[in-house]
Amino acid sequence: VQLQASGGGLVQAGGSLRLSCAASGRTFSSHVMGWFRQAPGKERELVASISGRGTTTYYADSVKGRFTVSRDNAKNTGYLQMNALRPEDTAVYYCNAQRGNLNYWGHGTLVTVSS
């Protein structure tokens, strides 16, 4: 599985962005998809994830109620809708596909939130 994240950019605090993660391959729907982020000087952290069929989601406490993870398996694409953005959301965002002990990463997309 190859992944390509897009949709990052510069936004003011309180604004919104929608990240997309386009996946190649026929088995995307059998992978859990996750969104991670890494801010300067910090470790990469899991922000949200969604099961293969989209029935189960997880959110980090810091983004609950503001971010929504979703996927369209017919399009082999995952999404992260980010609302009410805060300066502390500034980071490089990565999408991940995981199945068993296999992990696939895409290149990150930079999100910058100005105060």
C-alpha atoms as a PDB file:
ATOM      1  CA  VAL A   1       0.000   0.000   0.000  1.00  0.00           C
ATOM      2  CA  GLN A   2       1.315   3.396  -0.947  1.00  0.00           C
ATOM      3  CA  LEU A   3      -0.116   6.481   0.683  1.00  0.00           C
ATOM      4  CA  GLN A   4      -0.174  10.132  -0.286  1.00  0.00           C
ATOM      5  CA  ALA A   5      -1.436  12.746   2.132  1.00  0.00           C
ATOM      6  CA  SER A   6      -2.562  16.164   0.982  1.00  0.00           C
ATOM      7  CA  GLY A   7      -4.616  19.139   2.072  1.00  0.00           C
ATOM      8  CA  GLY A   8      -2.305  20.824   4.526  1.00  0.00           C
ATOM      9  CA  GLY A   9      -1.718  24.537   4.577  1.00  0.00           C
ATOM     10  CA  LEU A  10      -1.790  27.724   6.593  1.00  0.00           C
ATOM     11  CA  VAL A  11      -4.987  28.593   8.432  1.00  0.00           C
ATOM     12  CA  GLN A  12      -5.962  30.988  11.172  1.00  0.00           C
ATOM     13  CA  ALA A  13      -6.986  29.756  14.583  1.00  0.00           C
ATOM     14  CA  GLY A  14     -10.608  28.692  14.527  1.00  0.00           C
ATOM     15  CA  GLY A  15     -10.433  27.728  10.889  1.00  0.00           C
ATOM     16  CA  SER A  16     -10.816  24.368   9.187  1.00  0.00           C
ATOM     17  CA  LEU A  17      -8.848  22.097   6.911  1.00  0.00           C
ATOM     18  CA  ARG A  18      -9.576  18.742   5.357  1.00  0.00           C
ATOM     19  CA  LEU A  19      -6.731  16.317   4.853  1.00  0.00           C
ATOM     20  CA  SER A  20      -6.929  13.503   2.348  1.00  0.00           C
ATOM     21  CA  CYS A  21      -4.957  10.296   2.149  1.00  0.00           C
ATOM     22  CA  ALA A  22      -5.005   8.556  -1.214  1.00  0.00           C
ATOM     23  CA  ALA A  23      -4.018   4.901  -1.144  1.00  0.00           C
ATOM     24  CA  SER A  24      -2.923   2.575  -3.892  1.00  0.00           C
ATOM     25  CA  GLY A  25      -3.624  -1.129  -3.950  1.00  0.00           C
ATOM     26  CA  ARG A  26      -6.708  -3.258  -3.732  1.00  0.00           C
ATOM     27  CA  THR A  27      -6.575  -4.055  -0.036  1.00  0.00           C
ATOM     28  CA  PHE A  28      -7.062  -0.582   1.426  1.00  0.00           C
ATOM     29  CA  SER A  29     -10.364  -1.575   3.008  1.00  0.00           C
ATOM     30  CA  SER A  30      -8.654  -4.291   5.029  1.00  0.00           C
ATOM     31  CA  HIS A  31      -6.311  -1.810   6.701  1.00  0.00           C
ATOM     32  CA  VAL A  32      -6.881   0.347   9.723  1.00  0.00           C
ATOM     33  CA  MET A  33      -6.127   3.912   8.738  1.00  0.00           C
ATOM     34  CA  GLY A  34      -4.578   6.323  11.161  1.00  0.00           C
ATOM     35  CA  TRP A  35      -3.642   9.966  11.188  1.00  0.00           C
ATOM     36  CA  PHE A  36      -0.551  10.917  13.135  1.00  0.00           C
ATOM     37  CA  ARG A  37       1.134  14.248  13.647  1.00  0.00           C
ATOM     38  CA  GLN A  38       4.544  15.436  14.675  1.00  0.00           C
ATOM     39  CA  ALA A  39       5.193  18.927  15.927  1.00  0.00           C
ATOM     40  CA  PRO A  40       8.708  20.398  16.039  1.00  0.00           C
ATOM     41  CA  GLY A  41      10.667  18.939  18.911  1.00  0.00           C
ATOM     42  CA  LYS A  42       7.939  16.468  19.797  1.00  0.00           C
ATOM     43  CA  GLU A  43       7.315  12.806  19.186  1.00  0.00           C
ATOM     44  CA  ARG A  44       4.888  11.592  16.573  1.00  0.00           C
ATOM     45  CA  GLU A  45       1.472  11.036  18.094  1.00  0.00           C
ATOM     46  CA  LEU A  46      -1.695   9.302  16.994  1.00  0.00           C
ATOM     47  CA  VAL A  47      -4.485  11.780  16.354  1.00  0.00           C
ATOM     48  CA  ALA A  48      -7.274   9.590  15.029  1.00  0.00           C
ATOM     49  CA  SER A  49      -7.885   6.212  13.458  1.00  0.00           C
ATOM     50  CA  ILE A  50     -10.658   4.359  11.691  1.00  0.00           C
ATOM     51  CA  SER A  51     -11.246   0.662  11.141  1.00  0.00           C
ATOM     52  CA  GLY A  52     -11.213  -0.910   7.714  1.00  0.00           C
ATOM     53  CA  ARG A  53     -14.957  -0.759   7.262  1.00  0.00           C
ATOM     54  CA  GLY A  54     -15.257   2.577   8.997  1.00  0.00           C
ATOM     55  CA  THR A  55     -17.323   1.259  11.877  1.00  0.00           C
ATOM     56  CA  THR A  56     -14.893   2.075  14.676  1.00  0.00           C
ATOM     57  CA  THR A  57     -13.034   5.306  15.275  1.00  0.00           C
ATOM     58  CA  TYR A  58     -10.562   6.588  17.825  1.00  0.00           C
ATOM     59  CA  TYR A  59      -9.611  10.148  18.701  1.00  0.00           C
ATOM     60  CA  ALA A  60      -6.928  11.572  20.910  1.00  0.00           C
ATOM     61  CA  ASP A  61      -8.391  13.617  23.734  1.00  0.00           C
ATOM     62  CA  SER A  62      -6.794  16.753  22.345  1.00  0.00           C
ATOM     63  CA  VAL A  63      -8.873  16.599  19.147  1.00  0.00           C
ATOM     64  CA  LYS A  64     -12.155  15.061  20.288  1.00  0.00           C
ATOM     65  CA  GLY A  65     -15.109  17.093  19.161  1.00  0.00           C
ATOM     66  CA  ARG A  66     -13.024  19.037  16.646  1.00  0.00           C
ATOM     67  CA  PHE A  67     -11.621  16.434  14.241  1.00  0.00           C
ATOM     68  CA  THR A  68     -13.501  13.787  12.294  1.00  0.00           C
ATOM     69  CA  VAL A  69     -11.872  10.811  10.606  1.00  0.00           C
ATOM     70  CA  SER A  70     -13.603   9.066   7.722  1.00  0.00           C
ATOM     71  CA  ARG A  71     -12.866   6.928   4.700  1.00  0.00           C
ATOM     72  CA  ASP A  72     -14.287   6.094   1.299  1.00  0.00           C
ATOM     73  CA  ASN A  73     -13.054   2.620   0.406  1.00  0.00           C
ATOM     74  CA  ALA A  74     -14.566   2.847  -3.066  1.00  0.00           C
ATOM     75  CA  LYS A  75     -12.163   5.717  -3.708  1.00  0.00           C
ATOM     76  CA  ASN A  76      -9.288   4.254  -1.669  1.00  0.00           C
ATOM     77  CA  THR A  77      -9.167   7.498   0.239  1.00  0.00           C
ATOM     78  CA  GLY A  78      -9.218   8.509   3.866  1.00  0.00           C
ATOM     79  CA  TYR A  79      -9.982  11.906   5.313  1.00  0.00           C
ATOM     80  CA  LEU A  80      -9.373  13.976   8.393  1.00  0.00           C
ATOM     81  CA  GLN A  81     -11.713  16.926   8.788  1.00  0.00           C
ATOM     82  CA  MET A  82     -10.192  19.400  11.199  1.00  0.00           C
ATOM     83  CA  ASN A  83     -12.359  22.160  12.652  1.00  0.00           C
ATOM     84  CA  ALA A  84     -11.754  24.796  15.322  1.00  0.00           C
ATOM     85  CA  LEU A  85      -8.038  24.560  14.708  1.00  0.00           C
ATOM     86  CA  ARG A  86      -5.650  25.809  17.355  1.00  0.00           C
ATOM     87  CA  PRO A  87      -2.029  26.905  17.147  1.00  0.00           C
ATOM     88  CA  GLU A  88      -1.075  23.756  19.057  1.00  0.00           C
ATOM     89  CA  ASP A  89      -2.425  21.694  16.142  1.00  0.00           C
ATOM     90  CA  THR A  90       0.495  22.913  14.063  1.00  0.00           C
ATOM     91  CA  ALA A  91       2.443  19.865  12.899  1.00  0.00           C
ATOM     92  CA  VAL A  92       3.280  17.640   9.987  1.00  0.00           C
ATOM     93  CA  TYR A  93       0.392  15.227   9.573  1.00  0.00           C
ATOM     94  CA  TYR A  94       0.949  11.686   8.317  1.00  0.00           C
ATOM     95  CA  CYS A  95      -1.490   9.013   7.275  1.00  0.00           C
ATOM     96  CA  ASN A  96      -0.821   5.402   8.099  1.00  0.00           C
ATOM     97  CA  ALA A  97      -2.326   2.104   7.011  1.00  0.00           C
ATOM     98  CA  GLN A  98      -1.927  -0.864   9.282  1.00  0.00           C
ATOM     99  CA  ARG A  99      -2.816  -4.521   8.886  1.00  0.00           C
ATOM    100  CA  GLY A 100      -1.472  -7.034  11.335  1.00  0.00           C
ATOM    101  CA  ASN A 101       2.192  -6.251  11.853  1.00  0.00           C
ATOM    102  CA  LEU A 102       2.482  -4.346   8.585  1.00  0.00           C
ATOM    103  CA  ASN A 103       2.589  -0.566   8.660  1.00  0.00           C
ATOM    104  CA  TYR A 104       2.606   1.788   5.715  1.00  0.00           C
ATOM    105  CA  TRP A 105       3.333   5.502   5.858  1.00  0.00           C
ATOM    106  CA  GLY A 106       2.797   8.321   3.458  1.00  0.00           C
ATOM    107  CA  HIS A 107       4.748  11.535   3.208  1.00  0.00           C
ATOM    108  CA  GLY A 108       3.457  14.132   5.581  1.00  0.00           C
ATOM    109  CA  THR A 109       1.526  17.287   4.916  1.00  0.00           C
ATOM    110  CA  LEU A 110       2.241  20.428   6.914  1.00  0.00           C
ATOM    111  CA  VAL A 111      -0.537  22.131   8.826  1.00  0.00           C
ATOM    112  CA  THR A 112       0.228  25.543  10.270  1.00  0.00           C
ATOM    113  CA  VAL A 113      -2.289  27.316  12.471  1.00  0.00           C
ATOM    114  CA  SER A 114      -1.638  30.969  13.158  1.00  0.00           C
ATOM    115  CA  SER A 115      -2.915  32.729  16.257  1.00  0.00           C
END
